[in-house]
Amino acid sequence: MEEDGGGRKQETAAPAPKAQREAASAGVSVNEWFQHVKASFLGLVRKVTARSEQEAAEADMRAARAQVEATDEAEARKKQLAADR
């Protein structure tokens, strides 16, 4: 708070919105990490249970695709958070 010439106090801009954006961005990053771990785990399970080399290769491709989608989604959310300033 700052005091103006008449002895009244004025509110100064609080850093809360920036902190909220940073917290939301951190949450998006944690969610992205979780999605990567989930995709890797499911890919590994599918690869281990695959009955052929082709199924194992498809499991690797699905895991990689899921990781890329998680990254793309996280980047889009972070851009949206930055644009909402």
PDB file of N, CA and C in Angstrom:
ATOM      1  N   MET A   1       0.838  -1.172   0.000  1.00  0.00           N
ATOM      2  CA  MET A   1       0.000   0.000   0.000  1.00  0.00           C
ATOM      3  C   MET A   1       0.882   1.233   0.000  1.00  0.00           C
ATOM      4  N   GLU A   2       0.456   2.236  -0.741  1.00  0.00           N
ATOM      5  CA  GLU A   2       1.174   3.499  -0.793  1.00  0.00           C
ATOM      6  C   GLU A   2       0.251   4.608  -0.314  1.00  0.00           C
ATOM      7  N   GLU A   3       0.848   5.619   0.280  1.00  0.00           N
ATOM      8  CA  GLU A   3       0.065   6.739   0.780  1.00  0.00           C
ATOM      9  C   GLU A   3       0.046   7.834  -0.271  1.00  0.00           C
ATOM     10  N   ASP A   4      -1.144   8.357  -0.592  1.00  0.00           N
ATOM     11  CA  ASP A   4      -1.205   9.466  -1.535  1.00  0.00           C
ATOM     12  C   ASP A   4      -1.100  10.775  -0.753  1.00  0.00           C
ATOM     13  N   GLY A   5      -1.173  11.908  -1.407  1.00  0.00           N
ATOM     14  CA  GLY A   5      -1.005  13.214  -0.773  1.00  0.00           C
ATOM     15  C   GLY A   5      -2.006  13.502   0.329  1.00  0.00           C
ATOM     16  N   GLY A   6      -3.180  12.940   0.336  1.00  0.00           N
ATOM     17  CA  GLY A   6      -4.215  13.248   1.309  1.00  0.00           C
ATOM     18  C   GLY A   6      -4.210  12.338   2.523  1.00  0.00           C
ATOM     19  N   GLY A   7      -3.190  11.541   2.711  1.00  0.00           N
ATOM     20  CA  GLY A   7      -3.122  10.666   3.865  1.00  0.00           C
ATOM     21  C   GLY A   7      -3.863   9.353   3.676  1.00  0.00           C
ATOM     22  N   ARG A   8      -4.499   9.159   2.523  1.00  0.00           N
ATOM     23  CA  ARG A   8      -5.187   7.891   2.246  1.00  0.00           C
ATOM     24  C   ARG A   8      -4.211   6.889   1.646  1.00  0.00           C
ATOM     25  N   LYS A   9      -4.502   5.637   1.855  1.00  0.00           N
ATOM     26  CA  LYS A   9      -3.628   4.599   1.317  1.00  0.00           C
ATOM     27  C   LYS A   9      -4.256   4.010   0.063  1.00  0.00           C
ATOM     28  N   GLN A  10      -3.409   3.781  -0.944  1.00  0.00           N
ATOM     29  CA  GLN A  10      -3.855   3.191  -2.190  1.00  0.00           C
ATOM     30  C   GLN A  10      -3.258   1.785  -2.316  1.00  0.00           C
ATOM     31  N   GLU A  11      -4.015   0.912  -2.939  1.00  0.00           N
ATOM     32  CA  GLU A  11      -3.545  -0.449  -3.171  1.00  0.00           C
ATOM     33  C   GLU A  11      -2.514  -0.437  -4.294  1.00  0.00           C
ATOM     34  N   THR A  12      -1.429  -1.160  -4.118  1.00  0.00           N
ATOM     35  CA  THR A  12      -0.462  -1.327  -5.192  1.00  0.00           C
ATOM     36  C   THR A  12      -0.759  -2.649  -5.879  1.00  0.00           C
ATOM     37  N   ALA A  13      -0.245  -2.804  -7.086  1.00  0.00           N
ATOM     38  CA  ALA A  13      -0.483  -4.031  -7.844  1.00  0.00           C
ATOM     39  C   ALA A  13       0.162  -5.202  -7.113  1.00  0.00           C
ATOM     40  N   ALA A  14      -0.615  -6.200  -6.840  1.00  0.00           N
ATOM     41  CA  ALA A  14      -0.131  -7.369  -6.114  1.00  0.00           C
ATOM     42  C   ALA A  14       0.463  -8.372  -7.095  1.00  0.00           C
ATOM     43  N   PRO A  15       1.499  -9.080  -6.686  1.00  0.00           N
ATOM     44  CA  PRO A  15       2.084 -10.086  -7.569  1.00  0.00           C
ATOM     45  C   PRO A  15       1.310 -11.402  -7.585  1.00  0.00           C
ATOM     46  N   ALA A  16       0.144 -11.415  -6.982  1.00  0.00           N
ATOM     47  CA  ALA A  16      -0.639 -12.649  -6.906  1.00  0.00           C
ATOM     48  C   ALA A  16      -0.970 -13.245  -8.274  1.00  0.00           C
ATOM     49  N   PRO A  17      -1.418 -12.454  -9.255  1.00  0.00           N
ATOM     50  CA  PRO A  17      -1.729 -13.082 -10.545  1.00  0.00           C
ATOM     51  C   PRO A  17      -0.520 -13.773 -11.167  1.00  0.00           C
ATOM     52  N   LYS A  18       0.676 -13.164 -11.019  1.00  0.00           N
ATOM     53  CA  LYS A  18       1.878 -13.784 -11.573  1.00  0.00           C
ATOM     54  C   LYS A  18       2.163 -15.096 -10.834  1.00  0.00           C
ATOM     55  N   ALA A  19       2.043 -15.074  -9.530  1.00  0.00           N
ATOM     56  CA  ALA A  19       2.272 -16.289  -8.743  1.00  0.00           C
ATOM     57  C   ALA A  19       1.263 -17.372  -9.106  1.00  0.00           C
ATOM     58  N   GLN A  20       0.018 -16.962  -9.335  1.00  0.00           N
ATOM     59  CA  GLN A  20      -1.006 -17.930  -9.718  1.00  0.00           C
ATOM     60  C   GLN A  20      -0.687 -18.540 -11.077  1.00  0.00           C
ATOM     61  N   ARG A  21      -0.235 -17.706 -12.022  1.00  0.00           N
ATOM     62  CA  ARG A  21       0.132 -18.224 -13.349  1.00  0.00           C
ATOM     63  C   ARG A  21       1.301 -19.194 -13.247  1.00  0.00           C
ATOM     64  N   GLU A  22       2.289 -18.828 -12.411  1.00  0.00           N
ATOM     65  CA  GLU A  22       3.440 -19.704 -12.247  1.00  0.00           C
ATOM     66  C   GLU A  22       3.044 -21.025 -11.583  1.00  0.00           C
ATOM     67  N   ALA A  23       2.151 -20.956 -10.620  1.00  0.00           N
ATOM     68  CA  ALA A  23       1.675 -22.175  -9.964  1.00  0.00           C
ATOM     69  C   ALA A  23       0.892 -23.034 -10.957  1.00  0.00           C
ATOM     70  N   ALA A  24       0.074 -22.398 -11.773  1.00  0.00           N
ATOM     71  CA  ALA A  24      -0.691 -23.141 -12.776  1.00  0.00           C
ATOM     72  C   ALA A  24       0.252 -23.772 -13.797  1.00  0.00           C
ATOM     73  N   SER A  25       1.293 -23.044 -14.182  1.00  0.00           N
ATOM     74  CA  SER A  25       2.273 -23.578 -15.122  1.00  0.00           C
ATOM     75  C   SER A  25       3.012 -24.772 -14.516  1.00  0.00           C
ATOM     76  N   ALA A  26       3.334 -24.670 -13.244  1.00  0.00           N
ATOM     77  CA  ALA A  26       3.985 -25.795 -12.564  1.00  0.00           C
ATOM     78  C   ALA A  26       3.052 -27.002 -12.518  1.00  0.00           C
ATOM     79  N   GLY A  27       1.780 -26.752 -12.279  1.00  0.00           N
ATOM     80  CA  GLY A  27       0.803 -27.837 -12.280  1.00  0.00           C
ATOM     81  C   GLY A  27       0.704 -28.505 -13.636  1.00  0.00           C
ATOM     82  N   VAL A  28       0.760 -27.698 -14.689  1.00  0.00           N
ATOM     83  CA  VAL A  28       0.726 -28.251 -16.044  1.00  0.00           C
ATOM     84  C   VAL A  28       1.970 -29.110 -16.284  1.00  0.00           C
ATOM     85  N   SER A  29       3.118 -28.651 -15.802  1.00  0.00           N
ATOM     86  CA  SER A  29       4.356 -29.419 -15.972  1.00  0.00           C
ATOM     87  C   SER A  29       4.300 -30.746 -15.219  1.00  0.00           C
ATOM     88  N   VAL A  30       3.747 -30.725 -14.023  1.00  0.00           N
ATOM     89  CA  VAL A  30       3.606 -31.967 -13.252  1.00  0.00           C
ATOM     90  C   VAL A  30       2.664 -32.923 -13.980  1.00  0.00           C
ATOM     91  N   ASN A  31       1.575 -32.392 -14.500  1.00  0.00           N
ATOM     92  CA  ASN A  31       0.632 -33.229 -15.247  1.00  0.00           C
ATOM     93  C   ASN A  31       1.304 -33.802 -16.499  1.00  0.00           C
ATOM     94  N   GLU A  32       2.113 -32.978 -17.175  1.00  0.00           N
ATOM     95  CA  GLU A  32       2.831 -33.453 -18.357  1.00  0.00           C
ATOM     96  C   GLU A  32       3.770 -34.609 -17.973  1.00  0.00           C
ATOM     97  N   TRP A  33       4.493 -34.443 -16.865  1.00  0.00           N
ATOM     98  CA  TRP A  33       5.400 -35.491 -16.398  1.00  0.00           C
ATOM     99  C   TRP A  33       4.621 -36.774 -16.111  1.00  0.00           C
ATOM    100  N   PHE A  34       3.480 -36.633 -15.435  1.00  0.00           N
ATOM    101  CA  PHE A  34       2.664 -37.802 -15.124  1.00  0.00           C
ATOM    102  C   PHE A  34       2.207 -38.505 -16.396  1.00  0.00           C
ATOM    103  N   GLN A  35       1.800 -37.739 -17.390  1.00  0.00           N
ATOM    104  CA  GLN A  35       1.351 -38.334 -18.653  1.00  0.00           C
ATOM    105  C   GLN A  35       2.492 -39.072 -19.351  1.00  0.00           C
ATOM    106  N   HIS A  36       3.717 -38.509 -19.280  1.00  0.00           N
ATOM    107  CA  HIS A  36       4.882 -39.185 -19.858  1.00  0.00           C
ATOM    108  C   HIS A  36       5.143 -40.510 -19.149  1.00  0.00           C
ATOM    109  N   VAL A  37       5.098 -40.494 -17.828  1.00  0.00           N
ATOM    110  CA  VAL A  37       5.335 -41.722 -17.058  1.00  0.00           C
ATOM    111  C   VAL A  37       4.264 -42.752 -17.383  1.00  0.00           C
ATOM    112  N   LYS A  38       3.019 -42.304 -17.438  1.00  0.00           N
ATOM    113  CA  LYS A  38       1.917 -43.210 -17.755  1.00  0.00           C
ATOM    114  C   LYS A  38       2.098 -43.831 -19.139  1.00  0.00           C
ATOM    115  N   ALA A  39       2.450 -43.003 -20.131  1.00  0.00           N
ATOM    116  CA  ALA A  39       2.639 -43.507 -21.493  1.00  0.00           C
ATOM    117  C   ALA A  39       3.800 -44.501 -21.546  1.00  0.00           C
ATOM    118  N   SER A  40       4.884 -44.189 -20.835  1.00  0.00           N
ATOM    119  CA  SER A  40       6.034 -45.100 -20.822  1.00  0.00           C
ATOM    120  C   SER A  40       5.674 -46.426 -20.180  1.00  0.00           C
ATOM    121  N   PHE A  41       4.976 -46.364 -19.059  1.00  0.00           N
ATOM    122  CA  PHE A  41       4.588 -47.587 -18.356  1.00  0.00           C
ATOM    123  C   PHE A  41       3.654 -48.439 -19.208  1.00  0.00           C
ATOM    124  N   LEU A  42       2.628 -47.812 -19.769  1.00  0.00           N
ATOM    125  CA  LEU A  42       1.697 -48.575 -20.604  1.00  0.00           C
ATOM    126  C   LEU A  42       2.390 -49.140 -21.834  1.00  0.00           C
ATOM    127  N   GLY A  43       3.300 -48.370 -22.416  1.00  0.00           N
ATOM    128  CA  GLY A  43       4.056 -48.860 -23.559  1.00  0.00           C
ATOM    129  C   GLY A  43       4.903 -50.065 -23.200  1.00  0.00           C
ATOM    130  N   LEU A  44       5.515 -50.002 -22.024  1.00  0.00           N
ATOM    131  CA  LEU A  44       6.330 -51.129 -21.578  1.00  0.00           C
ATOM    132  C   LEU A  44       5.477 -52.373 -21.345  1.00  0.00           C
ATOM    133  N   VAL A  45       4.329 -52.185 -20.709  1.00  0.00           N
ATOM    134  CA  VAL A  45       3.427 -53.316 -20.468  1.00  0.00           C
ATOM    135  C   VAL A  45       2.965 -53.914 -21.786  1.00  0.00           C
ATOM    136  N   ARG A  46       2.593 -53.055 -22.720  1.00  0.00           N
ATOM    137  CA  ARG A  46       2.142 -53.566 -24.028  1.00  0.00           C
ATOM    138  C   ARG A  46       3.266 -54.281 -24.760  1.00  0.00           C
ATOM    139  N   LYS A  47       4.494 -53.745 -24.619  1.00  0.00           N
ATOM    140  CA  LYS A  47       5.631 -54.363 -25.295  1.00  0.00           C
ATOM    141  C   LYS A  47       5.946 -55.731 -24.693  1.00  0.00           C
ATOM    142  N   VAL A  48       5.888 -55.839 -23.377  1.00  0.00           N
ATOM    143  CA  VAL A  48       6.173 -57.112 -22.711  1.00  0.00           C
ATOM    144  C   VAL A  48       5.114 -58.162 -23.043  1.00  0.00           C
ATOM    145  N   THR A  49       3.866 -57.721 -23.174  1.00  0.00           N
ATOM    146  CA  THR A  49       2.782 -58.671 -23.451  1.00  0.00           C
ATOM    147  C   THR A  49       2.540 -58.872 -24.944  1.00  0.00           C
ATOM    148  N   ALA A  50       3.364 -58.241 -25.768  1.00  0.00           N
ATOM    149  CA  ALA A  50       3.188 -58.380 -27.216  1.00  0.00           C
ATOM    150  C   ALA A  50       3.472 -59.807 -27.653  1.00  0.00           C
ATOM    151  N   ARG A  51       2.720 -60.257 -28.623  1.00  0.00           N
ATOM    152  CA  ARG A  51       2.873 -61.631 -29.117  1.00  0.00           C
ATOM    153  C   ARG A  51       3.793 -61.716 -30.329  1.00  0.00           C
ATOM    154  N   SER A  52       4.105 -60.553 -30.887  1.00  0.00           N
ATOM    155  CA  SER A  52       4.991 -60.545 -32.045  1.00  0.00           C
ATOM    156  C   SER A  52       5.831 -59.262 -32.034  1.00  0.00           C
ATOM    157  N   GLU A  53       6.831 -59.256 -32.908  1.00  0.00           N
ATOM    158  CA  GLU A  53       7.674 -58.060 -33.015  1.00  0.00           C
ATOM    159  C   GLU A  53       6.861 -56.866 -33.502  1.00  0.00           C
ATOM    160  N   GLN A  54       5.913 -57.138 -34.363  1.00  0.00           N
ATOM    161  CA  GLN A  54       5.080 -56.056 -34.896  1.00  0.00           C
ATOM    162  C   GLN A  54       4.260 -55.412 -33.773  1.00  0.00           C
ATOM    163  N   GLU A  55       3.686 -56.213 -32.899  1.00  0.00           N
ATOM    164  CA  GLU A  55       2.922 -55.669 -31.773  1.00  0.00           C
ATOM    165  C   GLU A  55       3.831 -54.880 -30.834  1.00  0.00           C
ATOM    166  N   ALA A  56       5.058 -55.345 -30.647  1.00  0.00           N
ATOM    167  CA  ALA A  56       6.014 -54.637 -29.794  1.00  0.00           C
ATOM    168  C   ALA A  56       6.372 -53.284 -30.412  1.00  0.00           C
ATOM    169  N   ALA A  57       6.569 -53.269 -31.720  1.00  0.00           N
ATOM    170  CA  ALA A  57       6.885 -52.014 -32.405  1.00  0.00           C
ATOM    171  C   ALA A  57       5.704 -51.049 -32.321  1.00  0.00           C
ATOM    172  N   GLU A  58       4.501 -51.574 -32.470  1.00  0.00           N
ATOM    173  CA  GLU A  58       3.298 -50.732 -32.351  1.00  0.00           C
ATOM    174  C   GLU A  58       3.170 -50.167 -30.942  1.00  0.00           C
ATOM    175  N   ALA A  59       3.530 -50.952 -29.941  1.00  0.00           N
ATOM    176  CA  ALA A  59       3.481 -50.481 -28.551  1.00  0.00           C
ATOM    177  C   ALA A  59       4.460 -49.328 -28.348  1.00  0.00           C
ATOM    178  N   ASP A  60       5.654 -49.451 -28.925  1.00  0.00           N
ATOM    179  CA  ASP A  60       6.632 -48.354 -28.842  1.00  0.00           C
ATOM    180  C   ASP A  60       6.103 -47.096 -29.515  1.00  0.00           C
ATOM    181  N   MET A  61       5.484 -47.276 -30.667  1.00  0.00           N
ATOM    182  CA  MET A  61       4.946 -46.121 -31.403  1.00  0.00           C
ATOM    183  C   MET A  61       3.804 -45.453 -30.632  1.00  0.00           C
ATOM    184  N   ARG A  62       2.937 -46.254 -30.038  1.00  0.00           N
ATOM    185  CA  ARG A  62       1.834 -45.690 -29.247  1.00  0.00           C
ATOM    186  C   ARG A  62       2.367 -44.902 -28.057  1.00  0.00           C
ATOM    187  N   ALA A  63       3.377 -45.445 -27.383  1.00  0.00           N
ATOM    188  CA  ALA A  63       3.962 -44.766 -26.223  1.00  0.00           C
ATOM    189  C   ALA A  63       4.592 -43.441 -26.653  1.00  0.00           C
ATOM    190  N   ALA A  64       5.332 -43.466 -27.744  1.00  0.00           N
ATOM    191  CA  ALA A  64       5.964 -42.238 -28.235  1.00  0.00           C
ATOM    192  C   ALA A  64       4.908 -41.208 -28.641  1.00  0.00           C
ATOM    193  N   ARG A  65       3.856 -41.661 -29.302  1.00  0.00           N
ATOM    194  CA  ARG A  65       2.787 -40.751 -29.727  1.00  0.00           C
ATOM    195  C   ARG A  65       2.089 -40.130 -28.513  1.00  0.00           C
ATOM    196  N   ALA A  66       1.846 -40.937 -27.478  1.00  0.00           N
ATOM    197  CA  ALA A  66       1.193 -40.428 -26.269  1.00  0.00           C
ATOM    198  C   ALA A  66       2.078 -39.394 -25.576  1.00  0.00           C
ATOM    199  N   GLN A  67       3.390 -39.611 -25.580  1.00  0.00           N
ATOM    200  CA  GLN A  67       4.301 -38.647 -24.968  1.00  0.00           C
ATOM    201  C   GLN A  67       4.320 -37.338 -25.746  1.00  0.00           C
ATOM    202  N   VAL A  68       4.323 -37.427 -27.055  1.00  0.00           N
ATOM    203  CA  VAL A  68       4.300 -36.214 -27.882  1.00  0.00           C
ATOM    204  C   VAL A  68       2.996 -35.456 -27.676  1.00  0.00           C
ATOM    205  N   GLU A  69       1.890 -36.174 -27.611  1.00  0.00           N
ATOM    206  CA  GLU A  69       0.602 -35.523 -27.376  1.00  0.00           C
ATOM    207  C   GLU A  69       0.568 -34.847 -26.012  1.00  0.00           C
ATOM    208  N   ALA A  70       1.150 -35.468 -25.000  1.00  0.00           N
ATOM    209  CA  ALA A  70       1.202 -34.862 -23.664  1.00  0.00           C
ATOM    210  C   ALA A  70       2.021 -33.578 -23.694  1.00  0.00           C
ATOM    211  N   THR A  71       3.140 -33.607 -24.399  1.00  0.00           N
ATOM    212  CA  THR A  71       3.982 -32.420 -24.505  1.00  0.00           C
ATOM    213  C   THR A  71       3.260 -31.315 -25.260  1.00  0.00           C
ATOM    214  N   ASP A  72       2.629 -31.650 -26.370  1.00  0.00           N
ATOM    215  CA  ASP A  72       1.901 -30.653 -27.153  1.00  0.00           C
ATOM    216  C   ASP A  72       0.781 -30.017 -26.339  1.00  0.00           C
ATOM    217  N   GLU A  73       0.048 -30.840 -25.611  1.00  0.00           N
ATOM    218  CA  GLU A  73      -1.051 -30.336 -24.792  1.00  0.00           C
ATOM    219  C   GLU A  73      -0.531 -29.412 -23.688  1.00  0.00           C
ATOM    220  N   ALA A  74       0.571 -29.793 -23.072  1.00  0.00           N
ATOM    221  CA  ALA A  74       1.152 -28.964 -22.006  1.00  0.00           C
ATOM    222  C   ALA A  74       1.637 -27.626 -22.562  1.00  0.00           C
ATOM    223  N   GLU A  75       2.274 -27.647 -23.725  1.00  0.00           N
ATOM    224  CA  GLU A  75       2.738 -26.404 -24.335  1.00  0.00           C
ATOM    225  C   GLU A  75       1.570 -25.493 -24.682  1.00  0.00           C
ATOM    226  N   ALA A  76       0.496 -26.071 -25.189  1.00  0.00           N
ATOM    227  CA  ALA A  76      -0.683 -25.273 -25.525  1.00  0.00           C
ATOM    228  C   ALA A  76      -1.285 -24.639 -24.275  1.00  0.00           C
ATOM    229  N   ARG A  77      -1.354 -25.398 -23.176  1.00  0.00           N
ATOM    230  CA  ARG A  77      -1.892 -24.852 -21.931  1.00  0.00           C
ATOM    231  C   ARG A  77      -1.018 -23.734 -21.390  1.00  0.00           C
ATOM    232  N   LYS A  78       0.309 -23.923 -21.469  1.00  0.00           N
ATOM    233  CA  LYS A  78       1.220 -22.884 -20.969  1.00  0.00           C
ATOM    234  C   LYS A  78       1.114 -21.624 -21.817  1.00  0.00           C
ATOM    235  N   LYS A  79       0.973 -21.769 -23.124  1.00  0.00           N
ATOM    236  CA  LYS A  79       0.791 -20.601 -23.990  1.00  0.00           C
ATOM    237  C   LYS A  79      -0.509 -19.892 -23.647  1.00  0.00           C
ATOM    238  N   GLN A  80      -1.554 -20.660 -23.380  1.00  0.00           N
ATOM    239  CA  GLN A  80      -2.843 -20.071 -23.009  1.00  0.00           C
ATOM    240  C   GLN A  80      -2.727 -19.315 -21.683  1.00  0.00           C
ATOM    241  N   LEU A  81      -2.000 -19.871 -20.733  1.00  0.00           N
ATOM    242  CA  LEU A  81      -1.793 -19.189 -19.456  1.00  0.00           C
ATOM    243  C   LEU A  81      -1.031 -17.881 -19.653  1.00  0.00           C
ATOM    244  N   ALA A  82      -0.031 -17.899 -20.523  1.00  0.00           N
ATOM    245  CA  ALA A  82       0.755 -16.696 -20.784  1.00  0.00           C
ATOM    246  C   ALA A  82      -0.089 -15.644 -21.506  1.00  0.00           C
ATOM    247  N   ALA A  83      -1.001 -16.082 -22.348  1.00  0.00           N
ATOM    248  CA  ALA A  83      -1.841 -15.153 -23.108  1.00  0.00           C
ATOM    249  C   ALA A  83      -2.937 -14.544 -22.246  1.00  0.00           C
ATOM    250  N   ASP A  84      -3.287 -15.193 -21.140  1.00  0.00           N
ATOM    251  CA  ASP A  84      -4.377 -14.714 -20.275  1.00  0.00           C
ATOM    252  C   ASP A  84      -3.934 -13.617 -19.322  1.00  0.00           C
ATOM    253  N   ARG A  85      -2.760 -13.123 -19.483  1.00  0.00           N
ATOM    254  CA  ARG A  85      -2.265 -12.078 -18.578  1.00  0.00           C
ATOM    255  C   ARG A  85      -3.182 -10.917 -18.491  1.00  0.00           C
TER     256      ARG A  85
END
